[in-house]
């Protein structure tokens, strides 16, 4: 039989998943000055800072 998870583990996982929902993966297309081809930059950004990240 499998070992049952403790209550503390379940609470800790719930807090971690709630915190993880505040982050967003942002993919940005950047044009190369030499070739003109696009490359993609990925970043994990807090949901409140997405517009600031894309503005830079």
PDB file of N, CA and C in Angstrom:
ATOM      1  N   UNK A   1       0.828  -1.185   0.000  1.00  0.00           N
ATOM      2  CA  UNK A   1       0.000   0.000   0.000  1.00  0.00           C
ATOM      3  C   UNK A   1       0.874   1.251   0.000  1.00  0.00           C
ATOM      4  N   UNK A   2       0.375   2.287  -0.599  1.00  0.00           N
ATOM      5  CA  UNK A   2       1.093   3.561  -0.659  1.00  0.00           C
ATOM      6  C   UNK A   2       0.957   4.293   0.663  1.00  0.00           C
ATOM      7  N   UNK A   3       1.963   5.067   0.967  1.00  0.00           N
ATOM      8  CA  UNK A   3       1.953   5.849   2.192  1.00  0.00           C
ATOM      9  C   UNK A   3       1.070   7.085   2.000  1.00  0.00           C
ATOM     10  N   UNK A   4       0.226   7.362   2.958  1.00  0.00           N
ATOM     11  CA  UNK A   4      -0.681   8.504   2.868  1.00  0.00           C
ATOM     12  C   UNK A   4       0.091   9.800   3.108  1.00  0.00           C
ATOM     13  N   UNK A   5      -0.262  10.836   2.371  1.00  0.00           N
ATOM     14  CA  UNK A   5       0.379  12.145   2.538  1.00  0.00           C
ATOM     15  C   UNK A   5      -0.140  12.804   3.812  1.00  0.00           C
ATOM     16  N   UNK A   6       0.739  13.499   4.493  1.00  0.00           N
ATOM     17  CA  UNK A   6       0.333  14.171   5.727  1.00  0.00           C
ATOM     18  C   UNK A   6      -0.426  15.455   5.412  1.00  0.00           C
ATOM     19  N   UNK A   7      -1.148  15.967   6.384  1.00  0.00           N
ATOM     20  CA  UNK A   7      -1.894  17.215   6.211  1.00  0.00           C
ATOM     21  C   UNK A   7      -0.961  18.376   5.922  1.00  0.00           C
ATOM     22  N   UNK A   8       0.189  18.418   6.599  1.00  0.00           N
ATOM     23  CA  UNK A   8       1.128  19.519   6.404  1.00  0.00           C
ATOM     24  C   UNK A   8       1.646  19.570   4.973  1.00  0.00           C
ATOM     25  N   UNK A   9       1.880  18.430   4.368  1.00  0.00           N
ATOM     26  CA  UNK A   9       2.352  18.388   2.983  1.00  0.00           C
ATOM     27  C   UNK A   9       1.289  18.934   2.045  1.00  0.00           C
ATOM     28  N   UNK A  10       0.040  18.591   2.299  1.00  0.00           N
ATOM     29  CA  UNK A  10      -1.046  19.079   1.448  1.00  0.00           C
ATOM     30  C   UNK A  10      -1.194  20.591   1.567  1.00  0.00           C
ATOM     31  N   UNK A  11      -1.080  21.126   2.774  1.00  0.00           N
ATOM     32  CA  UNK A  11      -1.200  22.569   2.984  1.00  0.00           C
ATOM     33  C   UNK A  11      -0.034  23.296   2.319  1.00  0.00           C
ATOM     34  N   UNK A  12       1.159  22.746   2.448  1.00  0.00           N
ATOM     35  CA  UNK A  12       2.340  23.363   1.845  1.00  0.00           C
ATOM     36  C   UNK A  12       2.208  23.401   0.324  1.00  0.00           C
ATOM     37  N   UNK A  13       1.714  22.311  -0.287  1.00  0.00           N
ATOM     38  CA  UNK A  13       1.521  22.260  -1.728  1.00  0.00           C
ATOM     39  C   UNK A  13       0.462  23.260  -2.179  1.00  0.00           C
ATOM     40  N   UNK A  14      -0.578  23.450  -1.410  1.00  0.00           N
ATOM     41  CA  UNK A  14      -1.627  24.399  -1.755  1.00  0.00           C
ATOM     42  C   UNK A  14      -1.091  25.820  -1.746  1.00  0.00           C
ATOM     43  N   UNK A  15      -0.260  26.141  -0.757  1.00  0.00           N
ATOM     44  CA  UNK A  15       0.339  27.478  -0.699  1.00  0.00           C
ATOM     45  C   UNK A  15       1.276  27.706  -1.863  1.00  0.00           C
ATOM     46  N   UNK A  16       2.059  26.699  -2.220  1.00  0.00           N
ATOM     47  CA  UNK A  16       3.000  26.822  -3.331  1.00  0.00           C
ATOM     48  C   UNK A  16       2.252  26.998  -4.654  1.00  0.00           C
ATOM     49  N   UNK A  17       1.177  26.267  -4.844  1.00  0.00           N
ATOM     50  CA  UNK A  17       0.429  26.401  -6.092  1.00  0.00           C
ATOM     51  C   UNK A  17      -0.280  27.749  -6.175  1.00  0.00           C
ATOM     52  N   UNK A  18      -0.725  28.278  -5.046  1.00  0.00           N
ATOM     53  CA  UNK A  18      -1.351  29.595  -5.044  1.00  0.00           C
ATOM     54  C   UNK A  18      -0.323  30.669  -5.392  1.00  0.00           C
ATOM     55  N   UNK A  19       0.888  30.527  -4.898  1.00  0.00           N
ATOM     56  CA  UNK A  19       1.951  31.483  -5.209  1.00  0.00           C
ATOM     57  C   UNK A  19       2.370  31.362  -6.670  1.00  0.00           C
ATOM     58  N   UNK A  20       2.393  30.174  -7.214  1.00  0.00           N
ATOM     59  CA  UNK A  20       2.817  29.957  -8.599  1.00  0.00           C
ATOM     60  C   UNK A  20       1.859  30.593  -9.600  1.00  0.00           C
ATOM     61  N   UNK A  21       0.624  30.781  -9.213  1.00  0.00           N
ATOM     62  CA  UNK A  21      -0.357  31.379 -10.120  1.00  0.00           C
ATOM     63  C   UNK A  21      -0.099  32.865 -10.338  1.00  0.00           C
ATOM     64  N   UNK A  22       0.789  33.469  -9.560  1.00  0.00           N
ATOM     65  CA  UNK A  22       1.098  34.888  -9.705  1.00  0.00           C
ATOM     66  C   UNK A  22       2.191  35.144 -10.735  1.00  0.00           C
ATOM     67  N   UNK A  23       2.744  34.099 -11.340  1.00  0.00           N
ATOM     68  CA  UNK A  23       3.843  34.239 -12.293  1.00  0.00           C
ATOM     69  C   UNK A  23       3.367  33.854 -13.692  1.00  0.00           C
ATOM     70  N   UNK A  24       3.944  34.510 -14.707  1.00  0.00           N
ATOM     71  CA  UNK A  24       3.540  34.296 -16.086  1.00  0.00           C
ATOM     72  C   UNK A  24       4.775  34.107 -16.952  1.00  0.00           C
ATOM     73  N   UNK A  25       4.683  33.218 -17.923  1.00  0.00           N
ATOM     74  CA  UNK A  25       5.765  33.045 -18.893  1.00  0.00           C
ATOM     75  C   UNK A  25       5.511  34.002 -20.044  1.00  0.00           C
ATOM     76  N   UNK A  26       6.489  34.868 -20.323  1.00  0.00           N
ATOM     77  CA  UNK A  26       6.359  35.866 -21.375  1.00  0.00           C
ATOM     78  C   UNK A  26       7.336  35.502 -22.486  1.00  0.00           C
ATOM     79  N   UNK A  27       6.855  35.445 -23.713  1.00  0.00           N
ATOM     80  CA  UNK A  27       7.689  35.162 -24.876  1.00  0.00           C
ATOM     81  C   UNK A  27       7.676  36.403 -25.752  1.00  0.00           C
ATOM     82  N   UNK A  28       8.869  36.886 -26.058  1.00  0.00           N
ATOM     83  CA  UNK A  28       9.007  38.148 -26.766  1.00  0.00           C
ATOM     84  C   UNK A  28       9.825  37.927 -28.035  1.00  0.00           C
ATOM     85  N   UNK A  29       9.368  38.438 -29.163  1.00  0.00           N
ATOM     86  CA  UNK A  29      10.098  38.338 -30.423  1.00  0.00           C
ATOM     87  C   UNK A  29      11.065  39.513 -30.513  1.00  0.00           C
ATOM     88  N   UNK A  30      12.339  39.210 -30.771  1.00  0.00           N
ATOM     89  CA  UNK A  30      13.371  40.237 -30.881  1.00  0.00           C
ATOM     90  C   UNK A  30      14.026  40.097 -32.244  1.00  0.00           C
ATOM     91  N   UNK A  31      14.143  41.181 -32.966  1.00  0.00           N
ATOM     92  CA  UNK A  31      14.719  41.148 -34.303  1.00  0.00           C
ATOM     93  C   UNK A  31      16.227  41.345 -34.236  1.00  0.00           C
ATOM     94  N   UNK A  32      16.970  40.516 -34.943  1.00  0.00           N
ATOM     95  CA  UNK A  32      18.420  40.602 -34.983  1.00  0.00           C
ATOM     96  C   UNK A  32      18.833  41.766 -35.883  1.00  0.00           C
ATOM     97  N   UNK A  33      19.737  42.635 -35.408  1.00  0.00           N
ATOM     98  CA  UNK A  33      20.154  43.755 -36.251  1.00  0.00           C
ATOM     99  C   UNK A  33      21.009  43.315 -37.452  1.00  0.00           C
ATOM    100  N   UNK A  34      21.708  42.201 -37.345  1.00  0.00           N
ATOM    101  CA  UNK A  34      22.574  41.733 -38.435  1.00  0.00           C
ATOM    102  C   UNK A  34      21.790  41.079 -39.568  1.00  0.00           C
ATOM    103  N   UNK A  35      20.944  40.104 -39.204  1.00  0.00           N
ATOM    104  CA  UNK A  35      20.269  39.315 -40.230  1.00  0.00           C
ATOM    105  C   UNK A  35      18.818  39.722 -40.464  1.00  0.00           C
ATOM    106  N   UNK A  36      18.224  40.375 -39.513  1.00  0.00           N
ATOM    107  CA  UNK A  36      16.820  40.743 -39.637  1.00  0.00           C
ATOM    108  C   UNK A  36      15.879  39.624 -39.231  1.00  0.00           C
ATOM    109  N   UNK A  37      16.434  38.471 -38.839  1.00  0.00           N
ATOM    110  CA  UNK A  37      15.610  37.341 -38.416  1.00  0.00           C
ATOM    111  C   UNK A  37      15.144  37.558 -36.981  1.00  0.00           C
ATOM    112  N   UNK A  38      14.039  36.937 -36.654  1.00  0.00           N
ATOM    113  CA  UNK A  38      13.502  37.046 -35.305  1.00  0.00           C
ATOM    114  C   UNK A  38      14.019  35.911 -34.427  1.00  0.00           C
ATOM    115  N   UNK A  39      14.315  36.240 -33.183  1.00  0.00           N
ATOM    116  CA  UNK A  39      14.600  35.250 -32.161  1.00  0.00           C
ATOM    117  C   UNK A  39      13.608  35.477 -31.043  1.00  0.00           C
ATOM    118  N   UNK A  40      13.426  34.478 -30.211  1.00  0.00           N
ATOM    119  CA  UNK A  40      12.436  34.577 -29.156  1.00  0.00           C
ATOM    120  C   UNK A  40      13.107  34.509 -27.798  1.00  0.00           C
ATOM    121  N   UNK A  41      12.791  35.467 -26.950  1.00  0.00           N
ATOM    122  CA  UNK A  41      13.304  35.516 -25.586  1.00  0.00           C
ATOM    123  C   UNK A  41      12.165  35.144 -24.648  1.00  0.00           C
ATOM    124  N   UNK A  42      12.451  34.207 -23.759  1.00  0.00           N
ATOM    125  CA  UNK A  42      11.448  33.764 -22.792  1.00  0.00           C
ATOM    126  C   UNK A  42      11.862  34.193 -21.402  1.00  0.00           C
ATOM    127  N   UNK A  43      10.883  34.571 -20.581  1.00  0.00           N
ATOM    128  CA  UNK A  43      11.160  34.957 -19.201  1.00  0.00           C
ATOM    129  C   UNK A  43       9.937  34.636 -18.346  1.00  0.00           C
ATOM    130  N   UNK A  44      10.198  34.339 -17.094  1.00  0.00           N
ATOM    131  CA  UNK A  44       9.140  34.146 -16.112  1.00  0.00           C
ATOM    132  C   UNK A  44       9.057  35.445 -15.317  1.00  0.00           C
ATOM    133  N   UNK A  45       7.901  36.111 -15.399  1.00  0.00           N
ATOM    134  CA  UNK A  45       7.730  37.440 -14.821  1.00  0.00           C
ATOM    135  C   UNK A  45       6.498  37.430 -13.920  1.00  0.00           C
ATOM    136  N   UNK A  46       6.547  38.197 -12.839  1.00  0.00           N
ATOM    137  CA  UNK A  46       5.370  38.334 -11.972  1.00  0.00           C
ATOM    138  C   UNK A  46       4.257  39.000 -12.768  1.00  0.00           C
ATOM    139  N   UNK A  47       3.024  38.582 -12.535  1.00  0.00           N
ATOM    140  CA  UNK A  47       1.911  39.058 -13.356  1.00  0.00           C
ATOM    141  C   UNK A  47       1.710  40.568 -13.293  1.00  0.00           C
ATOM    142  N   UNK A  48       2.161  41.209 -12.228  1.00  0.00           N
ATOM    143  CA  UNK A  48       2.019  42.659 -12.120  1.00  0.00           C
ATOM    144  C   UNK A  48       3.072  43.414 -12.930  1.00  0.00           C
ATOM    145  N   UNK A  49       4.134  42.747 -13.353  1.00  0.00           N
ATOM    146  CA  UNK A  49       5.246  43.406 -14.040  1.00  0.00           C
ATOM    147  C   UNK A  49       5.320  43.063 -15.526  1.00  0.00           C
ATOM    148  N   UNK A  50       4.308  42.417 -16.088  1.00  0.00           N
ATOM    149  CA  UNK A  50       4.343  41.996 -17.487  1.00  0.00           C
ATOM    150  C   UNK A  50       4.422  43.192 -18.428  1.00  0.00           C
ATOM    151  N   UNK A  51       3.613  44.204 -18.220  1.00  0.00           N
ATOM    152  CA  UNK A  51       3.622  45.370 -19.103  1.00  0.00           C
ATOM    153  C   UNK A  51       4.949  46.099 -19.055  1.00  0.00           C
ATOM    154  N   UNK A  52       5.549  46.196 -17.867  1.00  0.00           N
ATOM    155  CA  UNK A  52       6.858  46.833 -17.742  1.00  0.00           C
ATOM    156  C   UNK A  52       7.919  46.056 -18.507  1.00  0.00           C
ATOM    157  N   UNK A  53       7.862  44.726 -18.430  1.00  0.00           N
ATOM    158  CA  UNK A  53       8.831  43.882 -19.137  1.00  0.00           C
ATOM    159  C   UNK A  53       8.714  44.062 -20.639  1.00  0.00           C
ATOM    160  N   UNK A  54       7.498  44.071 -21.141  1.00  0.00           N
ATOM    161  CA  UNK A  54       7.298  44.207 -22.584  1.00  0.00           C
ATOM    162  C   UNK A  54       7.612  45.610 -23.082  1.00  0.00           C
ATOM    163  N   UNK A  55       7.525  46.609 -22.231  1.00  0.00           N
ATOM    164  CA  UNK A  55       7.832  47.988 -22.634  1.00  0.00           C
ATOM    165  C   UNK A  55       9.323  48.195 -22.843  1.00  0.00           C
ATOM    166  N   UNK A  56      10.155  47.443 -22.144  1.00  0.00           N
ATOM    167  CA  UNK A  56      11.616  47.599 -22.284  1.00  0.00           C
ATOM    168  C   UNK A  56      12.146  46.897 -23.492  1.00  0.00           C
TER     169      UNK A  56
END
